[in-house]
Protein backbone atom coordinates (compact mmCIF):
# COMPACT_ATOMS: atom_id res chain seq x y z
CA MET A 1 -53.04 -45.32 -68.48
CA ASP A 2 -50.06 -44.41 -66.26
CA ASN A 3 -50.46 -40.66 -65.35
CA SER A 4 -47.43 -40.67 -63.02
CA ILE A 5 -45.04 -37.76 -63.27
CA ASN A 6 -41.49 -38.73 -64.23
CA LEU A 7 -39.00 -37.53 -61.53
CA ILE A 8 -35.41 -37.90 -60.58
CA SER A 9 -34.25 -37.71 -56.95
CA VAL A 10 -30.57 -37.04 -56.17
CA ILE A 11 -29.79 -37.67 -52.44
CA GLY A 12 -26.77 -38.23 -50.22
CA PRO A 13 -24.91 -36.78 -47.24
CA THR A 14 -23.76 -33.21 -46.93
CA ALA A 15 -20.67 -32.38 -48.91
CA SER A 16 -21.16 -35.38 -51.27
CA GLY A 17 -21.66 -33.19 -54.45
CA LYS A 18 -25.44 -33.46 -54.97
CA THR A 19 -25.84 -29.97 -56.29
CA GLY A 20 -23.15 -30.26 -58.86
CA LEU A 21 -24.33 -33.56 -60.20
CA ALA A 22 -27.95 -32.49 -60.22
CA VAL A 23 -27.20 -29.37 -62.21
CA GLU A 24 -25.27 -31.23 -64.88
CA LEU A 25 -28.12 -33.79 -65.14
CA ALA A 26 -30.76 -31.08 -65.29
CA LYS A 27 -28.76 -29.45 -68.21
CA HIS A 28 -28.60 -32.80 -70.00
CA PHE A 29 -32.26 -33.77 -69.47
CA ASN A 30 -33.89 -30.35 -69.66
CA GLY A 31 -34.75 -30.28 -65.93
CA GLU A 32 -35.28 -27.97 -63.00
CA VAL A 33 -34.30 -28.65 -59.31
CA VAL A 34 -36.69 -28.82 -56.38
CA SER A 35 -34.56 -28.59 -53.23
CA ALA A 36 -35.10 -30.95 -50.39
CA ASP A 37 -33.07 -29.21 -47.77
CA SER A 38 -34.70 -28.14 -44.52
CA MET A 39 -32.26 -25.26 -43.92
CA GLN A 40 -31.63 -23.89 -47.42
CA ILE A 41 -35.17 -22.55 -47.34
CA TYR A 42 -34.15 -19.71 -45.10
CA LYS A 43 -33.06 -16.30 -46.23
CA GLY A 44 -29.76 -15.00 -44.91
CA MET A 45 -28.46 -18.44 -44.14
CA GLN A 46 -26.30 -18.83 -47.16
CA ILE A 47 -22.85 -20.02 -46.19
CA ALA A 48 -23.52 -22.42 -43.28
CA THR A 49 -26.21 -24.24 -45.32
CA ALA A 50 -24.02 -24.48 -48.39
CA LYS A 51 -26.78 -22.88 -50.45
CA PRO A 52 -25.93 -23.02 -54.14
CA THR A 53 -24.80 -19.79 -55.62
CA ILE A 54 -25.99 -18.31 -58.93
CA GLN A 55 -22.80 -19.51 -60.52
CA GLU A 56 -23.24 -23.00 -59.14
CA MET A 57 -26.78 -23.19 -60.54
CA GLN A 58 -25.50 -22.59 -64.05
CA GLY A 59 -28.84 -21.20 -65.21
CA ILE A 60 -30.86 -24.16 -63.88
CA LYS A 61 -33.88 -22.98 -61.97
CA HIS A 62 -33.93 -24.02 -58.30
CA HIS A 63 -37.17 -24.14 -56.36
CA LEU A 64 -37.76 -23.96 -52.56
CA ILE A 65 -34.49 -22.21 -51.76
CA ASP A 66 -34.12 -18.94 -50.00
CA PHE A 67 -37.84 -18.08 -49.59
CA LEU A 68 -38.53 -18.04 -45.84
CA GLN A 69 -37.49 -15.78 -43.01
CA PRO A 70 -35.55 -17.52 -40.25
CA ASP A 71 -38.14 -16.67 -37.54
CA GLN A 72 -40.74 -18.78 -39.45
CA THR A 73 -41.35 -22.41 -38.63
CA TYR A 74 -41.57 -24.83 -41.52
CA SER A 75 -42.87 -28.36 -41.35
CA VAL A 76 -42.47 -31.50 -43.50
CA ALA A 77 -46.15 -31.28 -44.32
CA MET A 78 -45.69 -27.78 -45.66
CA TYR A 79 -42.67 -28.95 -47.66
CA VAL A 80 -44.59 -31.77 -49.34
CA ASN A 81 -47.41 -29.41 -50.20
CA ASP A 82 -44.97 -26.81 -51.65
CA ALA A 83 -42.81 -29.41 -53.52
CA LYS A 84 -45.86 -30.97 -55.14
CA LYS A 85 -46.89 -27.58 -56.56
CA CYS A 86 -43.32 -27.03 -57.89
CA ILE A 87 -43.14 -30.48 -59.51
CA ASN A 88 -46.54 -30.05 -61.17
CA ASP A 89 -45.45 -26.72 -62.51
CA ILE A 90 -42.15 -28.05 -63.87
CA HIS A 91 -43.93 -31.04 -65.44
CA SER A 92 -46.59 -28.85 -67.03
CA ARG A 93 -43.89 -26.97 -68.82
CA GLY A 94 -42.46 -30.12 -70.37
CA LYS A 95 -39.40 -30.26 -68.10
CA LEU A 96 -38.09 -32.91 -65.82
CA PRO A 97 -38.20 -32.35 -62.07
CA PHE A 98 -35.15 -33.17 -59.95
CA VAL A 99 -35.68 -33.51 -56.17
CA VAL A 100 -32.28 -32.81 -54.67
CA GLY A 101 -31.19 -32.73 -51.05
CA GLY A 102 -30.16 -34.49 -47.89
CA THR A 103 -33.18 -34.02 -45.66
CA GLY A 104 -34.42 -37.65 -45.78
CA LEU A 105 -37.78 -37.05 -44.11
CA TYR A 106 -38.60 -34.45 -46.80
CA VAL A 107 -37.64 -36.76 -49.65
CA ASP A 108 -39.34 -39.78 -48.33
CA SER A 109 -42.53 -38.01 -47.38
CA LEU A 110 -42.79 -36.42 -50.78
CA LEU A 111 -41.99 -39.42 -52.92
CA ASN A 112 -43.93 -41.89 -50.86
CA ASN A 113 -47.03 -39.64 -50.91
CA VAL A 114 -47.27 -39.52 -47.12
CA LYS A 115 -50.41 -37.82 -45.76
CA PHE A 116 -50.07 -35.83 -42.57
CA SER A 117 -52.41 -35.50 -39.60
CA GLU A 118 -53.37 -31.97 -38.65
CA GLU A 119 -53.29 -32.79 -34.89
CA GLU A 120 -52.16 -29.95 -32.57
CA ARG A 121 -48.94 -30.35 -30.66
CA ASP A 122 -49.08 -30.91 -26.90
CA ARG A 123 -46.38 -28.61 -25.49
CA LYS A 124 -46.71 -30.02 -21.98
CA ILE A 125 -46.00 -33.62 -23.14
CA CYS A 126 -43.14 -32.29 -25.26
CA ASP A 127 -41.55 -30.52 -22.36
CA GLU A 128 -41.87 -33.62 -20.14
CA LEU A 129 -40.19 -35.83 -22.76
CA ASN A 130 -37.44 -33.32 -23.42
CA GLU A 131 -36.69 -33.30 -19.74
CA ILE A 132 -36.42 -37.10 -19.84
CA TYR A 133 -34.05 -36.82 -22.72
CA LYS A 134 -31.89 -34.28 -20.86
CA THR A 135 -31.66 -36.29 -17.63
CA GLN A 136 -31.79 -39.89 -18.90
CA GLY A 137 -30.84 -39.80 -22.62
CA VAL A 138 -32.28 -41.03 -25.88
CA ASP A 139 -32.46 -44.71 -24.79
CA ALA A 140 -34.96 -43.82 -22.07
CA LEU A 141 -37.17 -42.31 -24.80
CA LEU A 142 -36.87 -45.39 -26.91
CA ASP A 143 -37.87 -47.50 -23.96
CA ILE A 144 -41.06 -45.44 -23.56
CA LEU A 145 -41.81 -45.60 -27.23
CA SER A 146 -41.25 -49.40 -27.42
CA GLU A 147 -44.00 -49.97 -24.74
CA PHE A 148 -46.71 -49.18 -27.35
CA ASP A 149 -44.92 -48.86 -30.74
CA ASP A 150 -42.11 -51.29 -30.96
CA LYS A 151 -41.92 -50.98 -34.75
CA SER A 152 -41.27 -47.24 -34.59
CA ALA A 153 -38.79 -47.71 -31.74
CA HIS A 154 -36.85 -50.23 -33.84
CA ARG A 155 -36.98 -47.88 -36.83
CA LEU A 156 -35.80 -44.87 -34.97
CA LYS A 157 -33.08 -46.64 -32.88
CA ALA A 158 -30.45 -46.36 -35.57
CA GLU A 159 -30.94 -42.59 -35.97
CA LYS A 160 -31.21 -41.84 -32.22
CA ASN A 161 -33.01 -38.53 -33.20
CA PRO A 162 -34.63 -37.39 -29.98
CA LYS A 163 -36.93 -34.95 -31.83
CA ARG A 164 -38.49 -37.69 -33.90
CA ILE A 165 -38.73 -40.12 -31.02
CA ILE A 166 -40.46 -37.49 -28.86
CA ARG A 167 -42.84 -36.75 -31.73
CA ALA A 168 -43.73 -40.46 -32.01
CA ILE A 169 -44.46 -40.68 -28.28
CA GLU A 170 -46.43 -37.40 -28.34
CA PHE A 171 -48.47 -38.52 -31.31
CA TYR A 172 -49.62 -41.63 -29.53
CA LYS A 173 -50.43 -39.80 -26.29
CA THR A 174 -52.52 -37.11 -28.06
CA THR A 175 -54.28 -39.26 -30.66
CA GLY A 176 -54.34 -42.84 -29.27
CA LYS A 177 -52.74 -44.09 -32.52
CA THR A 178 -49.21 -44.97 -33.07
CA ILE A 179 -47.08 -43.06 -35.58
CA THR A 180 -46.56 -46.38 -37.32
CA GLU A 181 -50.33 -46.74 -37.88
CA GLN A 182 -50.41 -43.20 -39.20
CA ILE A 183 -47.54 -43.79 -41.62
CA GLU A 184 -49.06 -46.99 -42.92
CA LYS A 185 -52.49 -45.49 -43.35
CA SER A 186 -50.95 -42.50 -45.08
CA LYS A 187 -49.25 -44.71 -47.69
CA LEU A 188 -52.47 -46.35 -48.95
CA GLU A 189 -52.56 -44.00 -51.90
CA PRO A 190 -49.86 -44.71 -54.57
CA SER A 191 -47.15 -42.22 -55.23
CA PRO A 192 -47.98 -39.85 -58.15
CA TYR A 193 -44.35 -40.12 -59.27
CA ASN A 194 -42.46 -42.46 -61.36
CA THR A 195 -39.06 -41.92 -59.73
CA ILE A 196 -35.48 -42.94 -60.44
CA LYS A 197 -33.43 -42.51 -57.32
CA LEU A 198 -29.71 -41.65 -57.40
CA GLY A 199 -27.58 -41.67 -54.25
CA LEU A 200 -24.12 -40.33 -53.64
CA ASN A 201 -21.98 -42.16 -51.15
CA PHE A 202 -18.31 -43.06 -50.34
CA LYS A 203 -16.72 -46.44 -50.05
CA ASP A 204 -14.09 -44.79 -47.77
CA ARG A 205 -16.08 -42.73 -45.22
CA GLN A 206 -12.89 -40.77 -44.35
CA VAL A 207 -12.90 -39.19 -47.83
CA LEU A 208 -16.31 -37.77 -47.05
CA TYR A 209 -15.18 -36.52 -43.64
CA ASP A 210 -12.09 -34.81 -45.25
CA ARG A 211 -14.44 -33.11 -47.71
CA ILE A 212 -16.62 -31.94 -44.82
CA ASN A 213 -13.61 -30.56 -42.87
CA LYS A 214 -12.35 -28.65 -45.96
CA ARG A 215 -15.89 -27.33 -46.58
CA VAL A 216 -16.01 -25.85 -43.11
CA ASP A 217 -12.68 -24.26 -43.58
CA LEU A 218 -13.79 -22.78 -46.82
CA MET A 219 -17.01 -21.51 -45.10
CA LEU A 220 -14.89 -19.64 -42.59
CA ASP A 221 -12.84 -18.12 -45.46
CA ASN A 222 -16.07 -17.04 -47.18
CA GLY A 223 -17.41 -15.20 -44.07
CA LEU A 224 -19.13 -17.75 -41.89
CA LEU A 225 -18.38 -15.79 -38.68
CA ASP A 226 -20.02 -12.60 -39.89
CA GLU A 227 -23.00 -14.54 -41.16
CA ALA A 228 -23.38 -16.47 -37.94
CA LYS A 229 -23.29 -13.20 -35.88
CA LYS A 230 -26.10 -11.76 -37.98
CA VAL A 231 -28.23 -14.91 -37.93
CA LEU A 232 -27.85 -15.37 -34.19
CA SER A 233 -28.79 -11.74 -33.50
CA ASN A 234 -32.21 -12.41 -34.96
CA ASP A 235 -35.19 -14.40 -33.69
CA LEU A 236 -35.04 -17.90 -34.99
CA SER A 237 -37.83 -20.45 -35.34
CA GLN A 238 -37.96 -23.91 -33.78
CA THR A 239 -36.73 -25.30 -37.12
CA SER A 240 -34.13 -22.72 -38.25
CA VAL A 241 -32.40 -22.74 -34.85
CA LYS A 242 -31.33 -26.31 -35.48
CA ALA A 243 -29.16 -25.39 -38.51
CA ILE A 244 -25.62 -26.65 -38.17
CA GLY A 245 -23.00 -23.90 -38.44
CA TYR A 246 -24.36 -21.22 -36.06
CA LYS A 247 -25.08 -22.56 -32.59
CA GLU A 248 -21.66 -24.33 -32.64
CA LEU A 249 -20.03 -20.87 -32.71
CA ILE A 250 -21.95 -19.37 -29.83
CA PRO A 251 -19.23 -20.28 -27.19
CA TYR A 252 -16.71 -18.31 -29.32
CA PHE A 253 -18.93 -15.30 -29.54
CA ASN A 254 -19.53 -15.45 -25.76
CA CYS A 255 -15.75 -15.69 -25.13
CA GLU A 256 -16.16 -19.06 -23.50
CA LYS A 257 -14.07 -21.10 -26.04
CA ALA A 258 -11.38 -20.54 -28.54
CA LEU A 259 -12.36 -20.32 -32.16
CA GLU A 260 -10.35 -23.42 -33.03
CA ASP A 261 -12.31 -25.49 -30.50
CA CYS A 262 -15.71 -24.29 -31.79
CA VAL A 263 -14.68 -24.99 -35.41
CA GLU A 264 -13.54 -28.43 -34.55
CA ASN A 265 -16.89 -29.02 -32.81
CA LEU A 266 -18.67 -27.71 -35.94
CA LYS A 267 -16.77 -30.18 -38.11
CA ARG A 268 -17.60 -33.01 -35.74
CA GLU A 269 -21.31 -32.26 -35.63
CA THR A 270 -21.41 -31.98 -39.46
CA ARG A 271 -19.64 -35.36 -39.74
CA ARG A 272 -22.15 -36.87 -37.35
CA TYR A 273 -25.03 -35.36 -39.42
CA ALA A 274 -23.58 -36.90 -42.56
CA LYS A 275 -23.49 -40.30 -40.84
CA ARG A 276 -27.12 -39.97 -39.82
CA GLN A 277 -28.06 -39.05 -43.38
CA ILE A 278 -26.33 -42.15 -44.75
CA THR A 279 -28.07 -44.32 -42.20
CA TRP A 280 -31.41 -42.90 -43.20
CA PHE A 281 -30.97 -43.34 -46.97
CA LYS A 282 -29.43 -46.77 -46.74
CA ARG A 283 -32.80 -48.19 -45.79
CA ASP A 284 -34.22 -47.38 -49.24
CA LYS A 285 -33.54 -50.37 -51.51
CA GLU A 286 -34.62 -48.46 -54.63
CA ILE A 287 -31.63 -45.99 -54.58
CA ASN A 288 -28.96 -46.53 -57.22
CA TRP A 289 -25.73 -45.79 -55.39
CA LEU A 290 -22.87 -43.95 -57.02
CA TYR A 291 -19.60 -43.92 -55.03
CA VAL A 292 -17.91 -40.54 -55.42
CA ASP A 293 -14.46 -41.75 -54.31
CA GLU A 294 -14.35 -44.45 -56.97
CA LEU A 295 -15.44 -42.30 -59.94
CA SER A 296 -13.96 -39.33 -61.73
CA PRO A 297 -16.50 -36.39 -62.18
CA ASP A 298 -17.00 -37.38 -65.76
CA ASP A 299 -17.61 -40.99 -64.97
CA LEU A 300 -19.96 -40.06 -62.11
CA LEU A 301 -22.05 -37.99 -64.54
CA SER A 302 -22.04 -40.59 -67.34
CA ASN A 303 -23.04 -43.37 -64.96
CA ALA A 304 -25.86 -41.21 -63.65
CA ILE A 305 -27.05 -40.49 -67.17
CA GLU A 306 -26.98 -44.16 -68.05
CA ILE A 307 -29.05 -45.13 -64.99
CA ILE A 308 -31.65 -42.47 -65.85
CA SER A 309 -31.70 -43.45 -69.58
CA LYS A 310 -32.23 -47.13 -68.69
CA GLY A 311 -35.12 -46.14 -66.37
CA HIS A 312 -37.43 -45.95 -69.41
CA LEU A 313 -38.51 -42.36 -68.67
CA TYR A 314 -37.89 -41.63 -72.25
CA GLY A 315 -39.22 -43.52 -75.23
């Protein structure tokens, strides 16, 4: 007997409209949302993270949003553990869980049932690798990783995310095992979820970039500067400090750059982040892609409903 939990994931880059679509689908299918956003977890970080408002939620319960102080570190292992509890709770009440967000590592680790090692971090190795990154760039890190884990080096090359490359090198140096071995070993147990994956994307990438630029302008109108001052005045954890929307404004607060220059940099960094998100999700062949710039909102919703309905989650 198949005891898998039926689940829908809605993924895509920032500003693609994931929240709006997920809320409408949750209303249609009697569901609740489990967020998969690594920054919306933090309290007080509302505007820059585009955290959904009460009005935007439209009465649909959202889990794993706005529950952690910014000085607290949060890991993907912690997310998977918390998300599983939320999904089990939603399922136990006869509702359909929707995993919604753009943090690819969160989504994949949860849906693929990845198990995590409890190995301690080696700060000395991290510092040495960070210094290599600062002086020689990300390609130097990839060269080091490829010496003992060519598979991971190839996988991470497209992202060029120094944090993940450094973690892969550090993992090998502290455990004697490659991160590839760990990932493959962790996937031996099947996923407990019967998942239908919906992805939002754009045929014309410039349409997405224009949406991002307009969203940043709206954030400023809604009080981003005041929020950034408050957030930056507090202690931030190693994870919360990486949120896009605050650090980009520091030169303005320090009277080092004009506001216009900092805002343009913020828009650029957000566009780059969106590109990395698309690169990540494009590797997943199970995603049913919906192109926002080719569909009206009504057609987008109806197409998504059709995909879910054809997925045989409902008799």
